[in-house]
Amino acid sequence: MKLNIEVNKVEGVLVRVLGLVSRRGFSVTSFSAKTTGSFMNLSLEVDSERPVSLLICQLEKLFNVISVSQVST
């Protein structure tokens, strides 16, 4: 499952996002980040038996996360 996440470019935001993914039982199989001004676009590919909708809901609650979208393959 691939996710696109737009976040504010602040110190520690990557640690918070990746830590939440890990704590929720998802493993990151691919990761890339692109910086544009004061924002970062993260592209994560995750793998788990758990529904990705649970992860999306939790990511949207993080303070510096602007948007989360699932990319259909």
Protein backbone atom coordinates (compact mmCIF):
# COMPACT_ATOMS: atom_id res chain seq x y z
CA MET A 1 0.00 0.00 0.00
CA LYS A 2 1.42 3.36 -1.01
CA LEU A 3 0.70 6.59 0.86
CA ASN A 4 1.44 10.20 -0.03
CA ILE A 5 1.78 12.44 3.01
CA GLU A 6 2.20 16.21 2.95
CA VAL A 7 3.74 17.66 6.12
CA ASN A 8 5.11 20.97 7.40
CA LYS A 9 8.91 20.97 7.20
CA VAL A 10 9.76 21.15 10.90
CA GLU A 11 12.32 19.45 13.07
CA GLY A 12 11.32 15.92 14.11
CA VAL A 13 8.37 15.46 11.76
CA LEU A 14 9.95 12.44 10.03
CA VAL A 15 10.62 10.77 13.37
CA ARG A 16 7.00 11.28 14.44
CA VAL A 17 5.54 9.97 11.16
CA LEU A 18 7.81 6.93 10.89
CA GLY A 19 7.49 6.18 14.62
CA LEU A 20 3.70 6.15 14.36
CA VAL A 21 3.85 3.82 11.34
CA SER A 22 6.08 1.42 13.26
CA ARG A 23 4.04 1.55 16.48
CA ARG A 24 0.84 0.75 14.57
CA GLY A 25 2.34 -2.49 13.25
CA PHE A 26 3.20 -1.43 9.69
CA SER A 27 6.60 -1.97 8.11
CA VAL A 28 8.00 0.57 5.65
CA THR A 29 9.14 -1.10 2.43
CA SER A 30 9.90 2.07 0.48
CA PHE A 31 10.37 5.71 1.49
CA SER A 32 11.13 8.95 -0.35
CA ALA A 33 10.88 12.62 0.58
CA LYS A 34 10.77 15.79 -1.50
CA THR A 35 11.08 19.28 -0.05
CA THR A 36 9.14 22.19 -1.54
CA GLY A 37 9.47 25.47 0.36
CA SER A 38 8.17 24.99 3.90
CA PHE A 39 6.51 21.65 3.08
CA MET A 40 7.70 18.09 2.54
CA ASN A 41 5.99 15.45 0.43
CA LEU A 42 6.59 11.96 1.79
CA SER A 43 5.93 8.83 -0.21
CA LEU A 44 5.68 5.68 1.90
CA GLU A 45 5.05 2.14 0.83
CA VAL A 46 3.91 0.07 3.80
CA ASP A 47 3.11 -3.58 4.38
CA SER A 48 0.88 -5.11 7.03
CA GLU A 49 -2.07 -7.39 7.65
CA ARG A 50 -3.86 -4.47 9.32
CA PRO A 51 -6.18 -2.16 7.35
CA VAL A 52 -4.41 0.91 5.99
CA SER A 53 -7.43 3.07 6.87
CA LEU A 54 -6.42 2.79 10.55
CA LEU A 55 -2.97 4.17 9.76
CA ILE A 56 -4.37 7.00 7.64
CA CYS A 57 -6.69 8.10 10.46
CA GLN A 58 -3.82 8.13 12.95
CA LEU A 59 -1.48 10.02 10.60
CA GLU A 60 -4.11 12.70 9.99
CA LYS A 61 -4.19 13.39 13.75
CA LEU A 62 -0.50 14.34 13.88
CA PHE A 63 -0.03 18.09 14.33
CA ASN A 64 2.27 18.83 11.36
CA VAL A 65 0.55 16.52 8.87
CA ILE A 66 -1.41 18.49 6.27
CA SER A 67 -2.85 15.65 4.17
CA VAL A 68 -2.66 11.89 3.72
CA SER A 69 -3.80 10.04 0.62
CA GLN A 70 -3.64 6.42 -0.48
CA VAL A 71 -2.33 5.80 -3.99
CA SER A 72 -4.02 2.97 -5.83
CA THR A 73 -1.67 0.77 -7.80
